[in-house]
PDB file of N, CA and C in Angstrom:
ATOM      1  N   MET A   1     -33.339 -82.797 -66.992  1.00  0.00           N
ATOM      2  CA  MET A   1     -34.467 -82.470 -67.598  1.00  0.00           C
ATOM      3  C   MET A   1     -35.154 -83.810 -67.276  1.00  0.00           C
ATOM      4  N   VAL A   2     -34.992 -84.935 -67.194  1.00  0.00           N
ATOM      5  CA  VAL A   2     -35.837 -86.371 -66.624  1.00  0.00           C
ATOM      6  C   VAL A   2     -36.514 -86.142 -65.326  1.00  0.00           C
ATOM      7  N   ALA A   3     -35.572 -85.405 -64.210  1.00  0.00           N
ATOM      8  CA  ALA A   3     -36.026 -85.472 -63.028  1.00  0.00           C
ATOM      9  C   ALA A   3     -37.154 -84.150 -62.902  1.00  0.00           C
ATOM     10  N   ALA A   4     -37.514 -83.404 -63.824  1.00  0.00           N
ATOM     11  CA  ALA A   4     -38.135 -82.476 -63.804  1.00  0.00           C
ATOM     12  C   ALA A   4     -39.563 -82.611 -64.625  1.00  0.00           C
ATOM     13  N   GLY A   5     -39.443 -83.890 -64.670  1.00  0.00           N
ATOM     14  CA  GLY A   5     -40.912 -84.100 -65.939  1.00  0.00           C
ATOM     15  C   GLY A   5     -40.655 -84.043 -67.265  1.00  0.00           C
ATOM     16  N   GLY A   6     -39.668 -83.846 -67.794  1.00  0.00           N
ATOM     17  CA  GLY A   6     -39.469 -83.612 -69.246  1.00  0.00           C
ATOM     18  C   GLY A   6     -38.933 -81.971 -69.748  1.00  0.00           C
ATOM     19  N   SER A   7     -39.596 -81.576 -69.087  1.00  0.00           N
ATOM     20  CA  SER A   7     -39.805 -80.186 -69.546  1.00  0.00           C
ATOM     21  C   SER A   7     -39.472 -78.767 -68.302  1.00  0.00           C
ATOM     22  N   LEU A   8     -38.465 -78.015 -68.689  1.00  0.00           N
ATOM     23  CA  LEU A   8     -38.332 -76.503 -67.436  1.00  0.00           C
ATOM     24  C   LEU A   8     -38.718 -75.284 -68.248  1.00  0.00           C
ATOM     25  N   ILE A   9     -38.884 -74.380 -67.214  1.00  0.00           N
ATOM     26  CA  ILE A   9     -39.212 -72.863 -67.917  1.00  0.00           C
ATOM     27  C   ILE A   9     -38.255 -72.226 -67.105  1.00  0.00           C
ATOM     28  N   VAL A  10     -36.956 -71.319 -68.245  1.00  0.00           N
ATOM     29  CA  VAL A  10     -36.165 -71.160 -67.479  1.00  0.00           C
ATOM     30  C   VAL A  10     -35.655 -69.550 -67.972  1.00  0.00           C
ATOM     31  N   ASP A  11     -35.222 -68.855 -67.114  1.00  0.00           N
ATOM     32  CA  ASP A  11     -35.182 -67.195 -67.716  1.00  0.00           C
ATOM     33  C   ASP A  11     -33.880 -67.306 -68.631  1.00  0.00           C
ATOM     34  N   ASP A  12     -33.897 -67.001 -69.842  1.00  0.00           N
ATOM     35  CA  ASP A  12     -33.075 -67.104 -70.766  1.00  0.00           C
ATOM     36  C   ASP A  12     -32.890 -65.706 -71.788  1.00  0.00           C
ATOM     37  N   GLU A  13     -32.873 -64.542 -70.742  1.00  0.00           N
ATOM     38  CA  GLU A  13     -32.687 -63.144 -71.511  1.00  0.00           C
ATOM     39  C   GLU A  13     -31.647 -62.994 -72.047  1.00  0.00           C
ATOM     40  N   ASP A  14     -30.381 -63.606 -71.918  1.00  0.00           N
ATOM     41  CA  ASP A  14     -29.137 -63.673 -72.597  1.00  0.00           C
ATOM     42  C   ASP A  14     -28.828 -64.808 -73.689  1.00  0.00           C
ATOM     43  N   GLY A  15     -29.977 -65.674 -73.606  1.00  0.00           N
ATOM     44  CA  GLY A  15     -29.296 -67.078 -74.426  1.00  0.00           C
ATOM     45  C   GLY A  15     -28.840 -67.962 -74.510  1.00  0.00           C
ATOM     46  N   ALA A  16     -28.006 -67.740 -73.024  1.00  0.00           N
ATOM     47  CA  ALA A  16     -27.067 -69.044 -72.615  1.00  0.00           C
ATOM     48  C   ALA A  16     -27.872 -70.213 -72.505  1.00  0.00           C
ATOM     49  N   TYR A  17     -29.233 -70.366 -72.227  1.00  0.00           N
ATOM     50  CA  TYR A  17     -29.715 -71.930 -72.194  1.00  0.00           C
ATOM     51  C   TYR A  17     -29.813 -72.198 -73.465  1.00  0.00           C
ATOM     52  N   GLN A  18     -30.240 -71.392 -74.617  1.00  0.00           N
ATOM     53  CA  GLN A  18     -30.601 -71.743 -76.049  1.00  0.00           C
ATOM     54  C   GLN A  18     -29.087 -71.963 -76.392  1.00  0.00           C
ATOM     55  N   ARG A  19     -28.113 -71.503 -76.207  1.00  0.00           N
ATOM     56  CA  ARG A  19     -26.768 -72.097 -76.509  1.00  0.00           C
ATOM     57  C   ARG A  19     -26.398 -73.591 -75.994  1.00  0.00           C
ATOM     58  N   LEU A  20     -26.701 -73.445 -74.982  1.00  0.00           N
ATOM     59  CA  LEU A  20     -26.357 -74.836 -74.168  1.00  0.00           C
ATOM     60  C   LEU A  20     -27.282 -76.033 -74.635  1.00  0.00           C
ATOM     61  N   ALA A  21     -28.113 -75.687 -75.026  1.00  0.00           N
ATOM     62  CA  ALA A  21     -28.980 -76.723 -75.863  1.00  0.00           C
ATOM     63  C   ALA A  21     -28.483 -77.296 -77.150  1.00  0.00           C
ATOM     64  N   ALA A  22     -28.402 -75.829 -77.937  1.00  0.00           N
ATOM     65  CA  ALA A  22     -27.669 -76.277 -79.348  1.00  0.00           C
ATOM     66  C   ALA A  22     -26.329 -77.323 -78.769  1.00  0.00           C
ATOM     67  N   LEU A  23     -25.242 -76.756 -78.234  1.00  0.00           N
ATOM     68  CA  LEU A  23     -24.174 -77.536 -77.727  1.00  0.00           C
ATOM     69  C   LEU A  23     -24.260 -78.766 -77.190  1.00  0.00           C
ATOM     70  N   ALA A  24     -25.561 -79.289 -76.706  1.00  0.00           N
ATOM     71  CA  ALA A  24     -25.898 -80.794 -75.904  1.00  0.00           C
ATOM     72  C   ALA A  24     -26.291 -81.292 -77.298  1.00  0.00           C
ATOM     73  N   ARG A  25     -26.894 -80.543 -78.236  1.00  0.00           N
ATOM     74  CA  ARG A  25     -27.471 -81.652 -80.022  1.00  0.00           C
ATOM     75  C   ARG A  25     -26.670 -81.476 -80.500  1.00  0.00           C
ATOM     76  N   ALA A  26     -25.114 -81.039 -80.415  1.00  0.00           N
ATOM     77  CA  ALA A  26     -24.339 -81.097 -81.279  1.00  0.00           C
ATOM     78  C   ALA A  26     -23.235 -82.126 -80.975  1.00  0.00           C
ATOM     79  N   SER A  27     -23.378 -82.246 -79.434  1.00  0.00           N
ATOM     80  CA  SER A  27     -22.476 -83.245 -79.140  1.00  0.00           C
ATOM     81  C   SER A  27     -22.908 -84.296 -78.669  1.00  0.00           C
ATOM     82  N   ASN A  28     -24.332 -84.555 -78.982  1.00  0.00           N
ATOM     83  CA  ASN A  28     -24.281 -86.005 -78.775  1.00  0.00           C
ATOM     84  C   ASN A  28     -25.226 -86.439 -77.641  1.00  0.00           C
ATOM     85  N   LEU A  29     -25.717 -85.687 -76.494  1.00  0.00           N
ATOM     86  CA  LEU A  29     -25.844 -85.143 -75.126  1.00  0.00           C
ATOM     87  C   LEU A  29     -27.185 -85.541 -75.042  1.00  0.00           C
ATOM     88  N   VAL A  30     -28.182 -85.569 -75.960  1.00  0.00           N
ATOM     89  CA  VAL A  30     -29.415 -85.903 -75.592  1.00  0.00           C
ATOM     90  C   VAL A  30     -29.822 -87.586 -75.803  1.00  0.00           C
ATOM     91  N   PRO A  31     -30.522 -87.949 -75.009  1.00  0.00           N
ATOM     92  CA  PRO A  31     -30.645 -89.480 -75.292  1.00  0.00           C
ATOM     93  C   PRO A  31     -31.213 -89.870 -76.141  1.00  0.00           C
ATOM     94  N   THR A  32     -31.031 -91.021 -76.323  1.00  0.00           N
ATOM     95  CA  THR A  32     -31.006 -91.893 -77.543  1.00  0.00           C
ATOM     96  C   THR A  32     -32.917 -91.945 -77.605  1.00  0.00           C
ATOM     97  N   GLY A  33     -32.973 -91.586 -78.631  1.00  0.00           N
ATOM     98  CA  GLY A  33     -35.115 -91.626 -78.981  1.00  0.00           C
ATOM     99  C   GLY A  33     -35.306 -90.046 -78.385  1.00  0.00           C
ATOM    100  N   LYS A  34     -34.689 -89.262 -77.996  1.00  0.00           N
ATOM    101  CA  LYS A  34     -35.437 -88.026 -77.521  1.00  0.00           C
ATOM    102  C   LYS A  34     -34.705 -87.003 -78.459  1.00  0.00           C
ATOM    103  N   GLN A  35     -35.270 -85.860 -78.175  1.00  0.00           N
ATOM    104  CA  GLN A  35     -34.927 -84.288 -78.934  1.00  0.00           C
ATOM    105  C   GLN A  35     -35.051 -83.510 -78.229  1.00  0.00           C
ATOM    106  N   LEU A  36     -34.292 -82.408 -77.971  1.00  0.00           N
ATOM    107  CA  LEU A  36     -34.283 -81.528 -77.295  1.00  0.00           C
ATOM    108  C   LEU A  36     -34.789 -80.237 -77.603  1.00  0.00           C
ATOM    109  N   VAL A  37     -35.760 -79.345 -77.418  1.00  0.00           N
ATOM    110  CA  VAL A  37     -36.834 -78.661 -77.853  1.00  0.00           C
ATOM    111  C   VAL A  37     -36.905 -76.977 -77.347  1.00  0.00           C
ATOM    112  N   ILE A  38     -36.624 -76.387 -77.859  1.00  0.00           N
ATOM    113  CA  ILE A  38     -36.581 -75.146 -77.169  1.00  0.00           C
ATOM    114  C   ILE A  38     -38.016 -73.933 -77.466  1.00  0.00           C
ATOM    115  N   GLY A  39     -38.949 -73.572 -76.727  1.00  0.00           N
ATOM    116  CA  GLY A  39     -39.912 -73.199 -77.668  1.00  0.00           C
ATOM    117  C   GLY A  39     -40.237 -71.793 -76.576  1.00  0.00           C
ATOM    118  N   TYR A  40     -41.391 -71.202 -76.826  1.00  0.00           N
ATOM    119  CA  TYR A  40     -41.862 -69.641 -75.967  1.00  0.00           C
ATOM    120  C   TYR A  40     -42.451 -70.261 -74.585  1.00  0.00           C
ATOM    121  N   GLY A  41     -41.744 -69.987 -73.549  1.00  0.00           N
ATOM    122  CA  GLY A  41     -41.834 -69.957 -72.178  1.00  0.00           C
ATOM    123  C   GLY A  41     -42.931 -69.122 -71.341  1.00  0.00           C
ATOM    124  N   GLY A  42     -43.582 -67.763 -72.033  1.00  0.00           N
ATOM    125  CA  GLY A  42     -44.571 -67.082 -71.312  1.00  0.00           C
ATOM    126  C   GLY A  42     -44.392 -65.570 -71.559  1.00  0.00           C
ATOM    127  N   ASN A  43     -43.296 -65.440 -71.563  1.00  0.00           N
ATOM    128  CA  ASN A  43     -42.972 -63.936 -72.027  1.00  0.00           C
ATOM    129  C   ASN A  43     -41.325 -63.866 -72.891  1.00  0.00           C
ATOM    130  N   TRP A  44     -41.309 -63.095 -73.300  1.00  0.00           N
ATOM    131  CA  TRP A  44     -40.024 -62.814 -74.285  1.00  0.00           C
ATOM    132  C   TRP A  44     -38.580 -63.318 -74.071  1.00  0.00           C
ATOM    133  N   SER A  45     -38.479 -63.176 -72.284  1.00  0.00           N
ATOM    134  CA  SER A  45     -37.140 -63.674 -71.419  1.00  0.00           C
ATOM    135  C   SER A  45     -37.205 -65.101 -71.168  1.00  0.00           C
ATOM    136  N   LYS A  46     -38.333 -65.671 -71.224  1.00  0.00           N
ATOM    137  CA  LYS A  46     -38.289 -67.109 -70.811  1.00  0.00           C
ATOM    138  C   LYS A  46     -38.543 -67.964 -72.012  1.00  0.00           C
ATOM    139  N   LYS A  47     -37.766 -69.306 -71.540  1.00  0.00           N
ATOM    140  CA  LYS A  47     -37.754 -70.254 -72.509  1.00  0.00           C
ATOM    141  C   LYS A  47     -38.389 -71.620 -71.915  1.00  0.00           C
ATOM    142  N   GLU A  48     -39.109 -72.426 -72.445  1.00  0.00           N
ATOM    143  CA  GLU A  48     -39.470 -73.689 -72.281  1.00  0.00           C
ATOM    144  C   GLU A  48     -38.577 -74.774 -72.802  1.00  0.00           C
ATOM    145  N   ILE A  49     -37.473 -75.484 -71.855  1.00  0.00           N
ATOM    146  CA  ILE A  49     -36.748 -76.441 -72.589  1.00  0.00           C
ATOM    147  C   ILE A  49     -37.696 -77.817 -72.352  1.00  0.00           C
ATOM    148  N   SER A  50     -37.839 -78.513 -73.508  1.00  0.00           N
ATOM    149  CA  SER A  50     -38.511 -80.080 -73.074  1.00  0.00           C
ATOM    150  C   SER A  50     -37.569 -81.009 -73.938  1.00  0.00           C
ATOM    151  N   LEU A  51     -37.658 -81.987 -73.122  1.00  0.00           N
ATOM    152  CA  LEU A  51     -37.251 -83.498 -73.821  1.00  0.00           C
ATOM    153  C   LEU A  51     -38.203 -84.223 -74.247  1.00  0.00           C
ATOM    154  N   VAL A  52     -38.376 -84.363 -75.856  1.00  0.00           N
ATOM    155  CA  VAL A  52     -39.422 -84.908 -76.509  1.00  0.00           C
ATOM    156  C   VAL A  52     -38.917 -86.135 -76.868  1.00  0.00           C
ATOM    157  N   ASP A  53     -39.863 -87.655 -77.312  1.00  0.00           N
ATOM    158  CA  ASP A  53     -39.704 -88.347 -78.401  1.00  0.00           C
ATOM    159  C   ASP A  53     -39.364 -87.632 -79.936  1.00  0.00           C
ATOM    160  N   ARG A  54     -38.809 -88.535 -80.196  1.00  0.00           N
ATOM    161  CA  ARG A  54     -38.338 -88.092 -81.577  1.00  0.00           C
ATOM    162  C   ARG A  54     -39.576 -88.566 -82.581  1.00  0.00           C
ATOM    163  N   PRO A  55     -40.111 -87.656 -83.577  1.00  0.00           N
ATOM    164  CA  PRO A  55     -40.736 -88.734 -84.301  1.00  0.00           C
ATOM    165  C   PRO A  55     -40.204 -89.433 -85.164  1.00  0.00           C
ATOM    166  N   ALA A  56     -41.169 -90.310 -85.640  1.00  0.00           N
ATOM    167  CA  ALA A  56     -40.612 -91.738 -86.249  1.00  0.00           C
ATOM    168  C   ALA A  56     -40.106 -91.344 -87.590  1.00  0.00           C
ATOM    169  N   TRP A  57     -40.469 -90.215 -88.311  1.00  0.00           N
ATOM    170  CA  TRP A  57     -39.615 -89.661 -89.288  1.00  0.00           C
ATOM    171  C   TRP A  57     -38.422 -89.528 -89.695  1.00  0.00           C
ATOM    172  N   MET A  58     -37.856 -89.408 -88.405  1.00  0.00           N
ATOM    173  CA  MET A  58     -36.167 -88.607 -87.951  1.00  0.00           C
ATOM    174  C   MET A  58     -35.754 -89.914 -88.132  1.00  0.00           C
ATOM    175  N   ASP A  59     -36.133 -91.264 -88.127  1.00  0.00           N
ATOM    176  CA  ASP A  59     -35.373 -92.073 -87.722  1.00  0.00           C
ATOM    177  C   ASP A  59     -35.764 -93.173 -89.091  1.00  0.00           C
ATOM    178  N   GLU A  60     -36.471 -93.079 -90.203  1.00  0.00           N
ATOM    179  CA  GLU A  60     -36.927 -93.986 -91.105  1.00  0.00           C
ATOM    180  C   GLU A  60     -35.462 -94.097 -92.399  1.00  0.00           C
ATOM    181  N   ALA A  61     -35.126 -95.092 -92.860  1.00  0.00           N
ATOM    182  CA  ALA A  61     -34.490 -95.117 -93.529  1.00  0.00           C
ATOM    183  C   ALA A  61     -34.663 -94.614 -94.963  1.00  0.00           C
ATOM    184  N   LEU A  62     -33.693 -93.450 -95.417  1.00  0.00           N
ATOM    185  CA  LEU A  62     -34.079 -92.853 -97.154  1.00  0.00           C
ATOM    186  C   LEU A  62     -33.958 -94.370 -98.100  1.00  0.00           C
ATOM    187  N   PRO A  63     -34.931 -93.632 -98.784  1.00  0.00           N
ATOM    188  CA  PRO A  63     -34.941 -94.533-100.257  1.00  0.00           C
ATOM    189  C   PRO A  63     -33.621 -94.111-100.903  1.00  0.00           C
ATOM    190  N   SER A  64     -33.131 -94.915-101.514  1.00  0.00           N
ATOM    191  CA  SER A  64     -31.616 -94.716-102.323  1.00  0.00           C
ATOM    192  C   SER A  64     -32.267 -93.774-103.689  1.00  0.00           C
ATOM    193  N   VAL A  65     -31.689 -93.011-104.418  1.00  0.00           N
ATOM    194  CA  VAL A  65     -31.762 -92.599-105.631  1.00  0.00           C
ATOM    195  C   VAL A  65     -30.968 -92.830-106.822  1.00  0.00           C
ATOM    196  N   PRO A  66     -31.883 -93.531-107.549  1.00  0.00           N
ATOM    197  CA  PRO A  66     -30.602 -93.639-108.888  1.00  0.00           C
ATOM    198  C   PRO A  66     -30.001 -92.767-109.891  1.00  0.00           C
ATOM    199  N   VAL A  67     -29.024 -92.990-110.002  1.00  0.00           N
ATOM    200  CA  VAL A  67     -28.028 -92.111-110.589  1.00  0.00           C
ATOM    201  C   VAL A  67     -27.687 -92.666-111.842  1.00  0.00           C
ATOM    202  N   GLY A  68     -27.493 -91.853-113.083  1.00  0.00           N
ATOM    203  CA  GLY A  68     -27.026 -92.147-114.229  1.00  0.00           C
ATOM    204  C   GLY A  68     -25.559 -92.217-114.246  1.00  0.00           C
ATOM    205  N   GLN A  69     -25.021 -93.108-115.081  1.00  0.00           N
ATOM    206  CA  GLN A  69     -23.703 -93.484-114.967  1.00  0.00           C
ATOM    207  C   GLN A  69     -22.926 -92.503-116.135  1.00  0.00           C
ATOM    208  N   MET A  70     -23.788 -92.106-117.265  1.00  0.00           N
ATOM    209  CA  MET A  70     -23.181 -90.890-117.914  1.00  0.00           C
ATOM    210  C   MET A  70     -23.846 -89.567-117.642  1.00  0.00           C
ATOM    211  N   LEU A  71     -22.723 -88.868-117.568  1.00  0.00           N
ATOM    212  CA  LEU A  71     -23.126 -87.178-117.286  1.00  0.00           C
ATOM    213  C   LEU A  71     -22.224 -86.494-118.474  1.00  0.00           C
ATOM    214  N   ARG A  72     -23.178 -85.676-119.492  1.00  0.00           N
ATOM    215  CA  ARG A  72     -22.576 -84.771-120.480  1.00  0.00           C
ATOM    216  C   ARG A  72     -21.695 -84.142-120.248  1.00  0.00           C
ATOM    217  N   SER A  73     -21.815 -83.130-118.825  1.00  0.00           N
ATOM    218  CA  SER A  73     -21.207 -82.175-118.886  1.00  0.00           C
ATOM    219  C   SER A  73     -20.991 -81.627-117.227  1.00  0.00           C
ATOM    220  N   PRO A  74     -20.290 -82.477-116.431  1.00  0.00           N
ATOM    221  CA  PRO A  74     -20.584 -82.625-115.146  1.00  0.00           C
ATOM    222  C   PRO A  74     -19.813 -81.137-114.570  1.00  0.00           C
ATOM    223  N   HIS A  75     -19.711 -81.421-113.714  1.00  0.00           N
ATOM    224  CA  HIS A  75     -19.130 -79.786-112.900  1.00  0.00           C
ATOM    225  C   HIS A  75     -17.472 -80.466-112.561  1.00  0.00           C
ATOM    226  N   PRO A  76     -16.498 -79.810-113.073  1.00  0.00           N
ATOM    227  CA  PRO A  76     -15.260 -80.193-112.646  1.00  0.00           C
ATOM    228  C   PRO A  76     -15.233 -81.010-111.460  1.00  0.00           C
ATOM    229  N   ILE A  77     -15.756 -80.564-110.329  1.00  0.00           N
ATOM    230  CA  ILE A  77     -15.589 -81.053-109.119  1.00  0.00           C
ATOM    231  C   ILE A  77     -16.199 -82.485-108.867  1.00  0.00           C
ATOM    232  N   VAL A  78     -17.259 -82.363-109.851  1.00  0.00           N
ATOM    233  CA  VAL A  78     -17.865 -83.848-109.957  1.00  0.00           C
ATOM    234  C   VAL A  78     -17.127 -84.932-110.960  1.00  0.00           C
ATOM    235  N   ALA A  79     -16.473 -84.487-111.578  1.00  0.00           N
ATOM    236  CA  ALA A  79     -16.189 -85.169-112.312  1.00  0.00           C
ATOM    237  C   ALA A  79     -14.360 -85.828-111.831  1.00  0.00           C
ATOM    238  N   GLU A  80     -13.691 -84.681-111.008  1.00  0.00           N
ATOM    239  CA  GLU A  80     -12.704 -85.540-110.294  1.00  0.00           C
ATOM    240  C   GLU A  80     -13.397 -86.126-109.113  1.00  0.00           C
ATOM    241  N   LEU A  81     -14.119 -85.972-108.822  1.00  0.00           N
ATOM    242  CA  LEU A  81     -14.599 -86.687-107.790  1.00  0.00           C
ATOM    243  C   LEU A  81     -14.889 -88.190-108.357  1.00  0.00           C
ATOM    244  N   ARG A  82     -15.422 -88.320-109.307  1.00  0.00           N
ATOM    245  CA  ARG A  82     -15.733 -89.517-110.280  1.00  0.00           C
ATOM    246  C   ARG A  82     -14.725 -90.201-110.540  1.00  0.00           C
ATOM    247  N   ALA A  83     -13.343 -89.869-110.917  1.00  0.00           N
ATOM    248  CA  ALA A  83     -12.099 -90.403-111.455  1.00  0.00           C
ATOM    249  C   ALA A  83     -11.702 -91.046-110.427  1.00  0.00           C
ATOM    250  N   ASP A  84     -11.892 -90.682-108.762  1.00  0.00           N
ATOM    251  CA  ASP A  84     -11.149 -91.299-107.619  1.00  0.00           C
ATOM    252  C   ASP A  84     -11.635 -92.761-107.494  1.00  0.00           C
TER     253      ASP A  84
END
């Protein structure tokens, strides 16, 4: 991908490249700070696979959410988790 300038157009009639891209994402094989994107490549059987920078919002720390200590009627699973 890097040697091709960050983008490839492939014939993906059977979805093999789409499955490989999903496997690469799930296995953390995409370089840090990048994301693998699959888009329309010109016709129904072609796909454009691109390596692009991750948007800043994907790496931002999420604010903490306050949770009350008292629950009036928690779900049994929640009650069990709180007991641990």
